[in-house]
Amino acid sequence: MKLLDEVIYDFDFTMPRVIATGRLVIFENMSEIVMISESAITVSSGVRSKRFTTVTGENFVIKEIGEGRLVIEGTIRSVEFL
């Protein structure tokens, strides 16, 4: 990917973004939580983009919920973009 394309991608606020570090996951650019279970959390990135992101694992604890942002902590097994 060219540098200009990377910069445009970084500032596209309609694209889902997930930052996963150790036991912490940060969802950005999300519009709603679609599903929560003991082993997975799925969020939607809005009506226009029709994108979903699922994190699977265990022992999830929601640390922060804000406008367009969700921070969870727990054991992460996988991250899937749908």
C-alpha atoms as a PDB file:
ATOM      1  CA  MET A   1       0.000   0.000   0.000  1.00  0.00           C
ATOM      2  CA  LYS A   2       1.325   3.445  -0.890  1.00  0.00           C
ATOM      3  CA  LEU A   3       1.928   6.014   1.834  1.00  0.00           C
ATOM      4  CA  LEU A   4      -0.943   8.255   0.655  1.00  0.00           C
ATOM      5  CA  ASP A   5      -3.332   5.282   0.679  1.00  0.00           C
ATOM      6  CA  GLU A   6      -2.228   4.401   4.220  1.00  0.00           C
ATOM      7  CA  VAL A   7      -2.832   7.968   5.446  1.00  0.00           C
ATOM      8  CA  ILE A   8      -6.294   8.053   3.854  1.00  0.00           C
ATOM      9  CA  TYR A   9      -7.092   4.646   5.413  1.00  0.00           C
ATOM     10  CA  ASP A  10      -5.929   5.819   8.859  1.00  0.00           C
ATOM     11  CA  PHE A  11      -8.297   8.794   8.749  1.00  0.00           C
ATOM     12  CA  ASP A  12     -11.322   6.982   7.298  1.00  0.00           C
ATOM     13  CA  PHE A  13     -13.718   7.168  10.237  1.00  0.00           C
ATOM     14  CA  THR A  14     -16.223   4.775   8.648  1.00  0.00           C
ATOM     15  CA  MET A  15     -13.848   1.801   8.654  1.00  0.00           C
ATOM     16  CA  PRO A  16     -13.856  -0.474  11.682  1.00  0.00           C
ATOM     17  CA  ARG A  17     -10.672  -0.438  13.705  1.00  0.00           C
ATOM     18  CA  VAL A  18      -9.566  -2.914  16.336  1.00  0.00           C
ATOM     19  CA  ILE A  19      -6.493  -2.517  18.481  1.00  0.00           C
ATOM     20  CA  ALA A  20      -5.585  -5.709  20.339  1.00  0.00           C
ATOM     21  CA  THR A  21      -2.704  -5.724  22.797  1.00  0.00           C
ATOM     22  CA  GLY A  22      -2.162  -8.531  25.261  1.00  0.00           C
ATOM     23  CA  ARG A  23      -5.448  -8.801  27.152  1.00  0.00           C
ATOM     24  CA  LEU A  24      -6.997  -5.529  25.946  1.00  0.00           C
ATOM     25  CA  VAL A  25      -9.157  -4.935  22.846  1.00  0.00           C
ATOM     26  CA  ILE A  26     -10.248  -1.493  21.658  1.00  0.00           C
ATOM     27  CA  PHE A  27     -13.034  -1.248  19.072  1.00  0.00           C
ATOM     28  CA  GLU A  28     -13.156   2.112  17.298  1.00  0.00           C
ATOM     29  CA  ASN A  29     -15.689   3.437  14.789  1.00  0.00           C
ATOM     30  CA  MET A  30     -18.424   1.146  16.064  1.00  0.00           C
ATOM     31  CA  SER A  31     -22.091   2.037  16.133  1.00  0.00           C
ATOM     32  CA  GLU A  32     -23.631  -0.713  18.257  1.00  0.00           C
ATOM     33  CA  ILE A  33     -22.993  -3.936  20.104  1.00  0.00           C
ATOM     34  CA  VAL A  34     -24.747  -6.677  18.140  1.00  0.00           C
ATOM     35  CA  MET A  35     -24.052  -9.702  20.335  1.00  0.00           C
ATOM     36  CA  ILE A  36     -22.424 -10.467  23.657  1.00  0.00           C
ATOM     37  CA  SER A  37     -21.886 -14.002  24.918  1.00  0.00           C
ATOM     38  CA  GLU A  38     -19.516 -15.693  27.337  1.00  0.00           C
ATOM     39  CA  SER A  39     -17.029 -16.284  24.532  1.00  0.00           C
ATOM     40  CA  ALA A  40     -17.605 -13.552  21.906  1.00  0.00           C
ATOM     41  CA  ILE A  41     -18.466  -9.915  21.330  1.00  0.00           C
ATOM     42  CA  THR A  42     -19.711  -8.693  17.940  1.00  0.00           C
ATOM     43  CA  VAL A  43     -20.031  -5.010  17.077  1.00  0.00           C
ATOM     44  CA  SER A  44     -21.403  -3.204  14.034  1.00  0.00           C
ATOM     45  CA  SER A  45     -19.593  -0.385  12.306  1.00  0.00           C
ATOM     46  CA  GLY A  46     -22.710   1.368  11.093  1.00  0.00           C
ATOM     47  CA  VAL A  47     -25.535   1.210   8.624  1.00  0.00           C
ATOM     48  CA  ARG A  48     -23.587   2.620   5.684  1.00  0.00           C
ATOM     49  CA  SER A  49     -20.582   0.321   5.932  1.00  0.00           C
ATOM     50  CA  LYS A  50     -22.505  -2.853   7.003  1.00  0.00           C
ATOM     51  CA  ARG A  51     -19.379  -4.258   8.617  1.00  0.00           C
ATOM     52  CA  PHE A  52     -19.159  -6.423  11.689  1.00  0.00           C
ATOM     53  CA  THR A  53     -16.211  -7.256  13.900  1.00  0.00           C
ATOM     54  CA  THR A  54     -16.146 -10.223  16.269  1.00  0.00           C
ATOM     55  CA  VAL A  55     -13.641 -10.908  19.030  1.00  0.00           C
ATOM     56  CA  THR A  56     -13.682 -14.374  20.551  1.00  0.00           C
ATOM     57  CA  GLY A  57     -12.076 -15.465  23.783  1.00  0.00           C
ATOM     58  CA  GLU A  58     -13.040 -15.696  27.431  1.00  0.00           C
ATOM     59  CA  ASN A  59     -13.339 -13.742  30.666  1.00  0.00           C
ATOM     60  CA  PHE A  60     -14.317 -10.516  28.886  1.00  0.00           C
ATOM     61  CA  VAL A  61     -14.921  -7.435  31.011  1.00  0.00           C
ATOM     62  CA  ILE A  62     -16.169  -4.198  29.465  1.00  0.00           C
ATOM     63  CA  LYS A  63     -13.822  -1.473  30.690  1.00  0.00           C
ATOM     64  CA  GLU A  64     -15.193   1.484  28.731  1.00  0.00           C
ATOM     65  CA  ILE A  65     -18.135   2.274  26.466  1.00  0.00           C
ATOM     66  CA  GLY A  66     -18.215   5.615  24.706  1.00  0.00           C
ATOM     67  CA  GLU A  67     -19.415   7.177  21.511  1.00  0.00           C
ATOM     68  CA  GLY A  68     -18.017   4.938  18.783  1.00  0.00           C
ATOM     69  CA  ARG A  69     -15.601   3.206  21.159  1.00  0.00           C
ATOM     70  CA  LEU A  70     -15.606   0.019  23.238  1.00  0.00           C
ATOM     71  CA  VAL A  71     -12.747  -1.260  25.398  1.00  0.00           C
ATOM     72  CA  ILE A  72     -12.795  -4.825  26.683  1.00  0.00           C
ATOM     73  CA  GLU A  73     -10.335  -6.879  28.674  1.00  0.00           C
ATOM     74  CA  GLY A  74      -9.937 -10.662  28.703  1.00  0.00           C
ATOM     75  CA  THR A  75      -8.271 -13.608  27.005  1.00  0.00           C
ATOM     76  CA  ILE A  76      -8.346 -13.032  23.242  1.00  0.00           C
ATOM     77  CA  ARG A  77      -8.431 -15.979  20.849  1.00  0.00           C
ATOM     78  CA  SER A  78      -9.321 -14.354  17.527  1.00  0.00           C
ATOM     79  CA  VAL A  79     -10.502 -11.215  15.775  1.00  0.00           C
ATOM     80  CA  GLU A  80     -12.701 -11.543  12.682  1.00  0.00           C
ATOM     81  CA  PHE A  81     -13.929  -8.858  10.266  1.00  0.00           C
ATOM     82  CA  LEU A  82     -17.179  -9.709   8.458  1.00  0.00           C
END
